[in-house]
Amino acid sequence: MDLATAVRRPARSEQPAARWWILALIALAPSVLAVGTLLVEALSDGLVGAVPASRLLQLTFNTLVLAGAVNAAATAIGVVTAWLTTRTDLPGRRIASILVAIPLVIPSYVVALTLLGATGPSGVVSELMSRLGSGPVPQLTGFWGAWLALTVISVPFVHVAVVPAIRKLDPALEEAARGLGASRLRVFFTVTVPLLRPALAASGLLVSLYTVSDFGAVSLLRFDTFTRAIYAQYQGRIDRRPALTLALFLIVIALAIVWFERRTRSRAAYHSVRAPRRPERIHLRAPAAAAAWLLVGAVSMVSLVIPTGVLVSWLIRGVTSGAVVFAPWLEAARSIGVSAGAAAVAALAALPIAYVTVRGSGRGAAAIETGVWSTYALPHITFGLAMVTLALTLANPLYQTVALLVIAYASMFLPQTVGSAQDSLRRVPPSLEEASRSLGKSPSVTFARVTLPLVGRGLLAGSVLVFLTAMKELPATLLLRPTGFETLAIRVWAATGEGFYTRASAAALVLLGVSAVPLALVTIRGLHD
């Protein structure tokens, strides 16, 4: 069998039945209706002059500069840590990789909160430095504080995306460059990095969208971006035109980032016609290994050690001073409940969407897939505002209900489950379904007994990602939660605003503990397998 025959895609089965298309459209309806209602109301109300042009320019500049700075720093650190843990004999490289990936579980507002508590005249780090005879550490706020908090949170996005890409590279090109006399540093920048362009583009897009949509860190660290301004305009105001104006501008910026990434994406082929072999690991001398661990330690210090240490110290300080600390079990139960509900709804919605986009063809399938990923590009505070507008306009009984919160979570994070389901479904040969049909089984029985079991693991992995992301969600929760309904994220936010840092630390530690389990199951365990 020649290579062309071996890699030829299996023939498509028949087009999905009409009920699959109907179910896919129903699954996509909440997000499409929400964004459409927001656009209609915003344009019908007339937004000209709702926000001064100077204010729009300032927010645009701040948002884009922050996104660019975070992207550049996170990409540089993430690529280096990925290379060190996959291509070198760094002692404890698996532990190093885990330490870099763990901050995926930590919300940005927790990192920002602990940076505020660690720095400044009365900060934990400042007190430690004073005992060592040094002066206090200046409090990190504004641009540099937001940049540091978002950078250390974004490094795992790059690391997790680049590690598998490096492992799949064929080392022949690098060895050829070395044979021609190029140094390892030159090979890294002229051969390795260009081959990683697809992974870098994907992770860069994710980091940029994450930074643009972040609300917690920029709010706590008092740096004006669109998300902070939208919440300030929405909170306690009858006239919602300024908030809608800012929301529309933020949507435009997010979609422009996606468009720019697609326009700059290379059409070059990055695959090899032969199976890649495992390269020999590069030996690191003691000084180089120490420098590598110094980098990993610095990232872990800011993203993991300092946040955890500050939270624990706040909790201990509050307990020893006599403060009454109630364990946030009710908030934890609510967070787990709505996140698990959103994960289940997302799994159910992802099945028909994945089926029609993988087994179907034509503009209909492309339009549905585009709609799913376009929603994912929207900042969360903007999508939350869109769901509020939808509820007030077309579904008033759902306004400020847990059901609306679950639907919003599932709609926002649906692409995480759809992507996993699509990947699993593409690995299921249509010939298996055709064989079942030829034996007299109906399409429903074939799907239940053949297709679904083979897609189940990918669907479960995507659902766990939805659960993990929903546990940390803050801006949409602030806008959509029922009155008095507090999740762990809301508890941290509210306690911080009132100055009750002991309460905030207890809720934050519970949030980290609950979220660490699914992170270990989905991300860390299989990263280097």
Protein backbone atom coordinates (compact mmCIF):
# COMPACT_ATOMS: atom_id res chain seq x y z
CA MET A 1 0.00 0.00 0.00
CA ASP A 2 1.50 3.35 -0.98
CA LEU A 3 1.60 6.38 1.29
CA ALA A 4 -1.22 8.19 -0.52
CA THR A 5 -3.53 5.23 0.00
CA ALA A 6 -2.50 4.92 3.65
CA VAL A 7 -3.33 8.51 4.54
CA ARG A 8 -6.40 8.85 2.32
CA ARG A 9 -9.37 10.01 4.32
CA PRO A 10 -12.13 7.42 4.66
CA ALA A 11 -15.19 7.98 2.61
CA ARG A 12 -17.91 10.07 4.20
CA SER A 13 -21.04 8.38 5.34
CA GLU A 14 -24.38 9.79 4.34
CA GLN A 15 -25.23 13.32 5.45
CA PRO A 16 -26.62 13.63 9.00
CA ALA A 17 -30.38 13.40 9.27
CA ALA A 18 -32.46 16.55 9.61
CA ARG A 19 -32.93 16.03 13.36
CA TRP A 20 -29.18 16.41 13.91
CA TRP A 21 -29.22 19.79 12.18
CA ILE A 22 -32.22 20.87 14.22
CA LEU A 23 -30.55 19.82 17.48
CA ALA A 24 -27.34 21.63 16.49
CA LEU A 25 -29.26 24.84 15.78
CA ILE A 26 -31.09 24.55 19.12
CA ALA A 27 -27.75 24.07 20.92
CA LEU A 28 -26.33 27.17 19.24
CA ALA A 29 -29.47 29.28 19.70
CA PRO A 30 -28.77 30.80 23.16
CA SER A 31 -25.45 32.36 22.17
CA VAL A 32 -26.68 33.55 18.76
CA LEU A 33 -29.86 35.05 20.21
CA ALA A 34 -27.97 36.70 23.07
CA VAL A 35 -25.40 38.41 20.84
CA GLY A 36 -28.05 39.29 18.25
CA THR A 37 -30.33 40.84 20.87
CA LEU A 38 -27.43 42.86 22.25
CA LEU A 39 -26.56 44.20 18.81
CA VAL A 40 -30.17 45.05 17.95
CA GLU A 41 -30.80 46.87 21.20
CA ALA A 42 -27.50 48.70 21.06
CA LEU A 43 -27.99 49.89 17.49
CA SER A 44 -31.65 50.79 17.98
CA ASP A 45 -30.89 52.91 21.06
CA GLY A 46 -28.33 54.97 19.20
CA LEU A 47 -24.84 54.82 20.62
CA VAL A 48 -23.31 57.89 19.03
CA GLY A 49 -21.97 60.09 21.80
CA ALA A 50 -22.75 57.60 24.58
CA VAL A 51 -19.03 57.39 25.39
CA PRO A 52 -16.52 60.16 24.54
CA ALA A 53 -14.12 59.33 21.73
CA SER A 54 -11.12 60.13 23.95
CA ARG A 55 -12.29 57.54 26.46
CA LEU A 56 -12.69 54.91 23.74
CA LEU A 57 -9.20 55.60 22.43
CA GLN A 58 -7.71 55.37 25.91
CA LEU A 59 -9.41 52.05 26.66
CA THR A 60 -8.48 50.65 23.25
CA PHE A 61 -4.84 51.63 23.74
CA ASN A 62 -4.68 50.20 27.27
CA THR A 63 -6.36 46.93 26.27
CA LEU A 64 -4.23 46.30 23.18
CA VAL A 65 -0.94 47.27 24.83
CA LEU A 66 -1.65 44.99 27.78
CA ALA A 67 -2.61 42.11 25.46
CA GLY A 68 0.54 42.57 23.39
CA ALA A 69 2.85 42.78 26.39
CA VAL A 70 1.32 39.73 28.09
CA ASN A 71 1.42 37.74 24.85
CA ALA A 72 5.07 38.51 24.21
CA ALA A 73 6.22 37.68 27.74
CA ALA A 74 4.07 34.55 28.13
CA THR A 75 5.15 33.21 24.72
CA ALA A 76 8.84 33.72 25.45
CA ILE A 77 8.66 32.02 28.86
CA GLY A 78 6.31 29.25 27.72
CA VAL A 79 8.45 28.26 24.73
CA VAL A 80 11.62 28.14 26.83
CA THR A 81 10.04 26.03 29.58
CA ALA A 82 8.49 23.68 27.01
CA TRP A 83 11.84 23.21 25.27
CA LEU A 84 13.70 22.66 28.54
CA THR A 85 11.27 19.97 29.71
CA THR A 86 11.11 18.09 26.39
CA ARG A 87 14.47 18.43 24.64
CA THR A 88 16.98 18.50 27.52
CA ASP A 89 18.00 16.16 30.34
CA LEU A 90 17.01 18.73 32.95
CA PRO A 91 16.84 16.91 36.30
CA GLY A 92 13.23 16.74 37.48
CA ARG A 93 11.91 17.98 34.14
CA ARG A 94 8.50 16.30 34.63
CA ILE A 95 8.10 18.07 37.98
CA ALA A 96 9.17 21.32 36.33
CA SER A 97 6.54 20.88 33.63
CA ILE A 98 3.85 20.23 36.25
CA LEU A 99 4.88 23.33 38.21
CA VAL A 100 4.56 25.46 35.07
CA ALA A 101 1.15 23.96 34.17
CA ILE A 102 -0.48 24.09 37.61
CA PRO A 103 -1.34 27.85 37.47
CA LEU A 104 -4.03 26.92 34.93
CA VAL A 105 -6.20 26.24 37.97
CA ILE A 106 -5.60 29.63 39.60
CA PRO A 107 -7.95 32.48 38.59
CA SER A 108 -6.34 35.75 37.60
CA TYR A 109 -8.16 37.63 40.36
CA VAL A 110 -6.61 35.33 42.98
CA VAL A 111 -3.12 36.09 41.67
CA ALA A 112 -3.93 39.82 41.61
CA LEU A 113 -5.34 39.66 45.14
CA THR A 114 -2.26 37.94 46.52
CA LEU A 115 0.08 40.32 44.69
CA LEU A 116 -1.67 43.17 46.48
CA GLY A 117 -1.32 41.33 49.78
CA ALA A 118 2.32 40.45 49.18
CA THR A 119 3.59 43.89 48.18
CA GLY A 120 3.27 47.34 49.67
CA PRO A 121 4.38 48.55 53.14
CA SER A 122 2.29 45.98 55.05
CA GLY A 123 2.57 43.12 52.55
CA VAL A 124 3.75 39.65 53.45
CA VAL A 125 6.83 39.87 51.23
CA SER A 126 7.60 43.36 52.51
CA GLU A 127 7.48 42.14 56.11
CA LEU A 128 9.83 39.29 55.23
CA MET A 129 12.21 41.68 53.46
CA SER A 130 12.21 44.04 56.44
CA ARG A 131 13.27 41.19 58.72
CA LEU A 132 16.18 40.59 56.36
CA GLY A 133 17.17 44.24 56.61
CA SER A 134 15.74 45.39 53.28
CA GLY A 135 13.09 47.99 52.54
CA PRO A 136 9.46 47.26 51.64
CA VAL A 137 8.49 46.10 48.16
CA PRO A 138 6.41 48.73 46.30
CA GLN A 139 2.81 47.71 45.79
CA LEU A 140 2.16 46.36 42.31
CA THR A 141 -0.82 48.11 40.76
CA GLY A 142 -1.70 49.61 37.40
CA PHE A 143 -0.21 48.35 34.16
CA TRP A 144 2.79 46.52 35.59
CA GLY A 145 0.77 44.73 38.21
CA ALA A 146 -1.83 43.61 35.64
CA TRP A 147 0.95 42.61 33.23
CA LEU A 148 2.71 40.46 35.84
CA ALA A 149 -0.49 38.77 37.07
CA LEU A 150 -1.79 37.97 33.58
CA THR A 151 1.62 36.88 32.29
CA VAL A 152 2.19 34.22 34.94
CA ILE A 153 -1.37 32.98 34.47
CA SER A 154 -0.93 32.84 30.67
CA VAL A 155 2.41 31.00 30.59
CA PRO A 156 0.69 27.59 31.09
CA PHE A 157 -1.44 28.19 27.97
CA VAL A 158 1.72 28.44 25.87
CA HIS A 159 3.55 25.66 27.70
CA VAL A 160 0.71 23.14 27.36
CA ALA A 161 0.30 23.94 23.64
CA VAL A 162 4.00 23.88 22.74
CA VAL A 163 5.08 20.74 24.64
CA PRO A 164 3.16 18.33 22.35
CA ALA A 165 4.25 20.31 19.29
CA ILE A 166 7.94 19.98 20.20
CA ARG A 167 7.50 16.27 20.89
CA LYS A 168 6.08 15.78 17.37
CA LEU A 169 8.93 17.61 15.59
CA ASP A 170 11.19 15.53 13.38
CA PRO A 171 14.74 16.20 14.68
CA ALA A 172 16.28 15.62 11.22
CA LEU A 173 16.08 19.31 10.27
CA GLU A 174 17.71 20.42 13.50
CA GLU A 175 20.43 17.81 13.14
CA ALA A 176 21.07 18.93 9.55
CA ALA A 177 21.47 22.53 10.71
CA ARG A 178 23.86 21.43 13.44
CA GLY A 179 25.81 19.42 10.88
CA LEU A 180 26.25 22.58 8.82
CA GLY A 181 27.90 24.29 11.78
CA ALA A 182 25.01 26.25 13.28
CA SER A 183 25.05 26.73 17.04
CA ARG A 184 22.23 25.34 19.20
CA LEU A 185 20.94 28.84 19.84
CA ARG A 186 20.80 29.61 16.11
CA VAL A 187 19.12 26.26 15.38
CA PHE A 188 16.53 27.03 18.04
CA PHE A 189 15.57 30.41 16.54
CA THR A 190 15.93 29.57 12.84
CA VAL A 191 14.63 25.97 12.74
CA THR A 192 12.74 24.98 15.90
CA VAL A 193 10.72 28.15 16.50
CA PRO A 194 9.49 28.45 12.86
CA LEU A 195 8.33 24.81 12.98
CA LEU A 196 6.33 25.66 16.10
CA ARG A 197 4.42 28.44 14.36
CA PRO A 198 0.99 26.70 14.38
CA ALA A 199 1.18 25.99 18.11
CA LEU A 200 2.47 29.49 18.82
CA ALA A 201 -0.33 31.04 16.75
CA ALA A 202 -2.97 29.04 18.61
CA SER A 203 -1.55 29.78 22.05
CA GLY A 204 -0.97 33.44 21.17
CA LEU A 205 -4.60 33.78 20.10
CA LEU A 206 -5.74 32.17 23.34
CA VAL A 207 -3.51 34.41 25.49
CA SER A 208 -4.63 37.55 23.66
CA LEU A 209 -8.32 36.71 24.01
CA TYR A 210 -7.81 35.78 27.66
CA THR A 211 -6.11 39.10 28.38
CA VAL A 212 -8.71 41.13 26.50
CA SER A 213 -11.54 39.39 28.37
CA ASP A 214 -9.96 39.47 31.83
CA PHE A 215 -11.91 41.38 34.44
CA GLY A 216 -10.74 40.31 37.88
CA ALA A 217 -7.03 41.16 37.68
CA VAL A 218 -7.39 44.53 35.96
CA SER A 219 -10.16 45.54 38.37
CA LEU A 220 -8.29 44.62 41.55
CA LEU A 221 -5.06 46.15 40.28
CA ARG A 222 -6.87 49.29 39.07
CA PHE A 223 -5.84 49.31 35.43
CA ASP A 224 -8.48 50.64 33.05
CA THR A 225 -9.40 48.29 30.23
CA PHE A 226 -12.72 47.70 28.47
CA THR A 227 -13.87 45.01 30.90
CA ARG A 228 -13.40 47.18 33.97
CA ALA A 229 -15.08 50.13 32.28
CA ILE A 230 -18.06 48.02 31.14
CA TYR A 231 -18.76 46.78 34.65
CA ALA A 232 -18.39 50.29 36.09
CA GLN A 233 -20.87 51.65 33.54
CA TYR A 234 -23.34 48.82 34.06
CA GLN A 235 -23.28 48.67 37.85
CA GLY A 236 -26.01 50.81 39.40
CA ARG A 237 -26.94 52.72 36.24
CA ILE A 238 -30.34 52.97 34.58
CA ASP A 239 -28.96 54.12 31.23
CA ARG A 240 -27.18 51.11 29.77
CA ARG A 241 -26.07 52.79 26.54
CA PRO A 242 -22.49 53.47 27.71
CA ALA A 243 -22.06 49.84 28.78
CA LEU A 244 -23.51 48.60 25.48
CA THR A 245 -21.21 50.92 23.53
CA LEU A 246 -18.13 49.65 25.32
CA ALA A 247 -19.33 46.06 24.91
CA LEU A 248 -19.65 46.49 21.14
CA PHE A 249 -16.16 47.97 20.89
CA LEU A 250 -14.76 45.07 22.91
CA ILE A 251 -16.51 42.58 20.60
CA VAL A 252 -14.92 44.32 17.61
CA ILE A 253 -11.47 44.13 19.23
CA ALA A 254 -11.84 40.42 20.05
CA LEU A 255 -13.02 39.54 16.54
CA ALA A 256 -10.24 41.68 15.06
CA ILE A 257 -7.68 39.63 17.01
CA VAL A 258 -9.15 36.41 15.62
CA TRP A 259 -9.16 37.87 12.08
CA PHE A 260 -5.55 39.05 12.42
CA GLU A 261 -4.42 35.62 13.60
CA ARG A 262 -6.09 33.95 10.62
CA ARG A 263 -4.66 36.46 8.15
CA THR A 264 -1.12 35.95 9.44
CA ARG A 265 -1.40 32.17 9.66
CA SER A 266 1.04 30.49 7.32
CA ARG A 267 -0.16 28.00 4.71
CA ALA A 268 3.12 26.10 4.82
CA ALA A 269 3.12 22.36 5.49
CA TYR A 270 4.56 21.41 8.88
CA HIS A 271 4.19 17.65 8.65
CA SER A 272 6.77 15.10 7.59
CA VAL A 273 6.22 12.18 5.22
CA ARG A 274 8.01 9.88 7.64
CA ALA A 275 7.29 9.12 11.24
CA PRO A 276 9.33 11.37 13.55
CA ARG A 277 11.84 9.69 15.81
CA ARG A 278 12.68 10.74 19.31
CA PRO A 279 15.69 13.06 19.41
CA GLU A 280 18.57 12.65 21.79
CA ARG A 281 18.19 14.86 24.82
CA ILE A 282 20.57 17.78 25.09
CA HIS A 283 22.85 17.55 28.09
CA LEU A 284 22.71 20.56 30.40
CA ARG A 285 25.73 21.36 32.49
CA ALA A 286 25.24 22.27 36.12
CA PRO A 287 25.14 26.08 35.58
CA ALA A 288 22.62 25.75 32.71
CA ALA A 289 20.43 23.36 34.72
CA ALA A 290 20.53 25.75 37.67
CA ALA A 291 19.52 28.65 35.40
CA ALA A 292 16.66 26.56 33.98
CA TRP A 293 15.34 25.75 37.44
CA LEU A 294 15.77 29.40 38.40
CA LEU A 295 13.40 30.34 35.56
CA VAL A 296 10.88 27.64 36.52
CA GLY A 297 11.18 28.65 40.15
CA ALA A 298 10.59 32.33 39.38
CA VAL A 299 7.42 31.54 37.41
CA SER A 300 6.19 29.17 40.10
CA MET A 301 7.04 31.66 42.83
CA VAL A 302 4.81 34.38 41.39
CA SER A 303 2.02 32.14 40.08
CA LEU A 304 1.87 29.42 42.75
CA VAL A 305 4.06 29.85 45.83
CA ILE A 306 3.28 33.50 46.63
CA PRO A 307 -0.49 33.18 46.02
CA THR A 308 -0.76 30.02 48.11
CA GLY A 309 1.56 31.35 50.80
CA VAL A 310 -0.26 34.66 51.09
CA LEU A 311 -3.66 32.96 51.28
CA VAL A 312 -2.46 30.55 53.97
CA SER A 313 -0.80 33.36 55.94
CA TRP A 314 -4.00 35.44 55.79
CA LEU A 315 -6.02 32.49 57.01
CA ILE A 316 -3.63 31.73 59.87
CA ARG A 317 -3.36 35.41 60.83
CA GLY A 318 -7.13 35.77 60.93
CA VAL A 319 -7.68 32.63 62.98
CA THR A 320 -4.96 33.48 65.51
CA SER A 321 -6.32 37.01 65.92
CA GLY A 322 -9.75 35.66 66.85
CA ALA A 323 -11.56 36.27 63.58
CA VAL A 324 -14.50 33.98 62.98
CA VAL A 325 -13.90 32.06 59.77
CA PHE A 326 -16.79 30.10 58.33
CA ALA A 327 -15.85 27.42 55.83
CA PRO A 328 -17.49 28.36 52.51
CA TRP A 329 -19.11 24.96 52.01
CA LEU A 330 -22.38 26.44 50.76
CA GLU A 331 -20.57 28.56 48.18
CA ALA A 332 -18.47 25.52 47.20
CA ALA A 333 -21.61 23.44 46.73
CA ARG A 334 -23.17 26.15 44.59
CA SER A 335 -20.02 26.50 42.47
CA ILE A 336 -19.76 22.75 41.96
CA GLY A 337 -23.47 22.49 41.21
CA VAL A 338 -23.69 25.20 38.55
CA SER A 339 -20.34 24.19 37.02
CA ALA A 340 -21.34 20.52 36.83
CA GLY A 341 -24.70 21.53 35.37
CA ALA A 342 -22.97 23.67 32.75
CA ALA A 343 -20.60 20.80 31.92
CA ALA A 344 -23.52 18.41 31.43
CA VAL A 345 -25.48 20.88 29.28
CA ALA A 346 -22.37 21.62 27.21
CA ALA A 347 -21.82 17.90 26.62
CA LEU A 348 -25.39 17.43 25.43
CA ALA A 349 -25.18 20.49 23.19
CA ALA A 350 -21.77 19.50 21.79
CA LEU A 351 -22.93 16.12 20.48
CA PRO A 352 -25.17 17.33 17.61
CA ILE A 353 -22.81 20.21 16.77
CA ALA A 354 -19.80 17.90 16.54
CA TYR A 355 -21.78 15.35 14.54
CA VAL A 356 -23.02 17.75 11.85
CA THR A 357 -19.67 19.58 11.55
CA VAL A 358 -17.66 16.36 11.20
CA ARG A 359 -20.06 14.08 9.33
CA GLY A 360 -21.80 16.87 7.42
CA SER A 361 -20.48 19.17 4.73
CA GLY A 362 -21.29 22.38 2.97
CA ARG A 363 -21.94 25.93 4.11
CA GLY A 364 -24.39 24.86 6.81
CA ALA A 365 -21.78 22.88 8.73
CA ALA A 366 -19.21 25.66 8.26
CA ALA A 367 -21.68 28.29 9.50
CA ILE A 368 -22.50 26.30 12.64
CA GLU A 369 -18.83 25.76 13.45
CA THR A 370 -18.05 29.44 12.86
CA GLY A 371 -20.89 30.42 15.17
CA VAL A 372 -19.55 28.21 17.96
CA TRP A 373 -16.02 29.58 17.84
CA SER A 374 -17.11 33.18 17.32
CA THR A 375 -18.95 32.99 20.64
CA TYR A 376 -15.80 31.70 22.31
CA ALA A 377 -13.92 34.76 21.09
CA LEU A 378 -16.29 37.12 22.91
CA PRO A 379 -15.10 38.48 26.28
CA HIS A 380 -17.07 36.99 29.15
CA ILE A 381 -18.35 40.27 30.53
CA THR A 382 -19.70 41.13 27.08
CA PHE A 383 -21.40 37.76 26.76
CA GLY A 384 -22.84 38.14 30.24
CA LEU A 385 -24.27 41.51 29.29
CA ALA A 386 -25.71 39.93 26.13
CA MET A 387 -27.43 37.22 28.20
CA VAL A 388 -28.88 39.88 30.51
CA THR A 389 -30.23 41.73 27.47
CA LEU A 390 -31.71 38.50 26.07
CA ALA A 391 -33.42 37.66 29.35
CA LEU A 392 -34.91 41.14 29.77
CA THR A 393 -36.06 41.26 26.15
CA LEU A 394 -37.22 37.74 25.22
CA ALA A 395 -37.09 35.54 28.33
CA ASN A 396 -37.90 37.66 31.34
CA PRO A 397 -38.79 34.66 33.61
CA LEU A 398 -35.16 33.49 33.30
CA TYR A 399 -33.69 36.80 34.49
CA GLN A 400 -31.54 36.31 37.61
CA THR A 401 -32.09 32.57 37.81
CA VAL A 402 -29.67 29.70 38.23
CA ALA A 403 -30.94 28.25 34.95
CA LEU A 404 -29.81 31.34 33.05
CA LEU A 405 -26.39 31.15 34.73
CA VAL A 406 -25.99 27.50 33.72
CA ILE A 407 -27.07 28.23 30.13
CA ALA A 408 -24.61 31.13 29.94
CA TYR A 409 -21.73 29.00 31.23
CA ALA A 410 -22.56 26.20 28.79
CA SER A 411 -22.84 28.61 25.85
CA MET A 412 -19.60 30.46 26.66
CA PHE A 413 -17.50 27.34 27.12
CA LEU A 414 -19.26 25.10 24.59
CA PRO A 415 -16.29 25.14 22.14
CA GLN A 416 -14.13 23.38 24.72
CA THR A 417 -16.45 20.36 24.58
CA VAL A 418 -17.12 20.66 20.85
CA GLY A 419 -13.40 20.63 20.07
CA SER A 420 -12.81 17.47 22.09
CA ALA A 421 -15.87 15.76 20.63
CA GLN A 422 -14.86 16.69 17.07
CA ASP A 423 -11.38 15.30 17.58
CA SER A 424 -12.76 12.01 18.92
CA LEU A 425 -15.40 11.76 16.19
CA ARG A 426 -12.83 12.30 13.43
CA ARG A 427 -11.02 9.23 14.73
CA VAL A 428 -14.16 7.07 14.30
CA PRO A 429 -14.18 5.63 10.74
CA PRO A 430 -17.56 6.11 9.04
CA SER A 431 -17.19 2.50 7.89
CA LEU A 432 -18.01 1.33 11.43
CA GLU A 433 -21.31 3.19 11.32
CA GLU A 434 -21.99 1.90 7.81
CA ALA A 435 -21.32 -1.68 8.97
CA SER A 436 -23.83 -1.28 11.79
CA ARG A 437 -26.42 0.11 9.37
CA SER A 438 -25.80 -2.76 6.94
CA LEU A 439 -26.62 -5.19 9.76
CA GLY A 440 -30.07 -3.64 10.05
CA LYS A 441 -29.50 -1.28 12.96
CA SER A 442 -31.28 2.07 12.88
CA PRO A 443 -29.28 5.34 12.88
CA SER A 444 -30.24 5.97 16.52
CA VAL A 445 -29.11 2.51 17.64
CA THR A 446 -25.91 2.84 15.61
CA PHE A 447 -25.11 6.17 17.23
CA ALA A 448 -25.87 4.90 20.75
CA ARG A 449 -23.97 1.61 20.45
CA VAL A 450 -21.12 2.46 18.08
CA THR A 451 -20.42 6.17 17.81
CA LEU A 452 -21.17 7.45 21.32
CA PRO A 453 -18.92 4.97 23.20
CA LEU A 454 -16.01 5.90 20.92
CA VAL A 455 -16.61 9.63 21.39
CA GLY A 456 -17.33 9.39 25.10
CA ARG A 457 -13.79 9.95 26.40
CA GLY A 458 -13.28 13.10 24.36
CA LEU A 459 -16.68 14.36 25.41
CA LEU A 460 -15.84 13.71 29.06
CA ALA A 461 -12.51 15.52 28.76
CA GLY A 462 -14.21 18.55 27.23
CA SER A 463 -16.85 18.52 29.96
CA VAL A 464 -14.18 18.53 32.65
CA LEU A 465 -12.60 21.57 30.98
CA VAL A 466 -15.98 23.33 31.03
CA PHE A 467 -16.35 22.49 34.72
CA LEU A 468 -12.88 23.81 35.50
CA THR A 469 -13.42 27.05 33.58
CA ALA A 470 -16.87 27.67 35.03
CA MET A 471 -15.55 27.26 38.58
CA LYS A 472 -13.30 30.29 38.05
CA GLU A 473 -15.73 32.46 36.09
CA LEU A 474 -16.27 35.90 37.65
CA PRO A 475 -17.58 38.68 35.34
CA ALA A 476 -20.51 36.77 33.82
CA THR A 477 -21.39 35.46 37.28
CA LEU A 478 -21.49 39.00 38.68
CA LEU A 479 -23.99 40.03 35.99
CA LEU A 480 -26.18 36.91 35.87
CA ARG A 481 -26.33 35.39 39.36
CA PRO A 482 -29.56 35.49 41.33
CA THR A 483 -29.66 37.93 44.24
CA GLY A 484 -27.91 36.38 47.23
CA PHE A 485 -26.48 33.50 45.19
CA GLU A 486 -22.75 33.44 45.99
CA THR A 487 -20.24 31.14 44.37
CA LEU A 488 -16.63 30.75 45.49
CA ALA A 489 -15.55 33.32 42.89
CA ILE A 490 -18.16 35.80 44.13
CA ARG A 491 -17.15 35.11 47.74
CA VAL A 492 -13.52 35.94 46.97
CA TRP A 493 -14.52 39.07 45.05
CA ALA A 494 -16.99 40.36 47.65
CA ALA A 495 -14.75 39.65 50.65
CA THR A 496 -11.85 41.42 48.97
CA GLY A 497 -13.95 44.47 48.22
CA GLU A 498 -15.04 44.66 51.88
CA GLY A 499 -11.50 44.16 53.18
CA PHE A 500 -12.18 40.73 54.74
CA TYR A 501 -9.03 39.04 53.50
CA THR A 502 -9.35 36.06 55.84
CA ARG A 503 -12.74 35.17 54.33
CA ALA A 504 -11.37 35.72 50.84
CA SER A 505 -8.40 33.45 51.54
CA ALA A 506 -10.62 30.62 52.83
CA ALA A 507 -12.83 30.74 49.73
CA ALA A 508 -9.83 31.01 47.40
CA LEU A 509 -8.08 28.00 48.96
CA VAL A 510 -11.25 25.90 48.66
CA LEU A 511 -11.59 27.01 45.02
CA LEU A 512 -8.02 25.99 44.25
CA GLY A 513 -8.44 22.65 46.00
CA VAL A 514 -11.64 21.74 44.17
CA SER A 515 -10.30 22.82 40.78
CA ALA A 516 -6.94 21.05 41.12
CA VAL A 517 -8.45 17.57 40.75
CA PRO A 518 -9.95 17.97 37.24
CA LEU A 519 -6.85 19.87 36.13
CA ALA A 520 -4.67 16.92 37.11
CA LEU A 521 -6.99 14.49 35.33
CA VAL A 522 -7.19 16.41 32.06
CA THR A 523 -3.95 18.31 31.62
CA ILE A 524 -1.04 17.26 33.75
CA ARG A 525 -1.35 13.47 33.62
CA GLY A 526 -1.13 13.22 29.84
CA LEU A 527 1.12 16.17 29.04
CA HIS A 528 4.33 14.15 28.62
CA ASP A 529 2.79 10.73 27.86
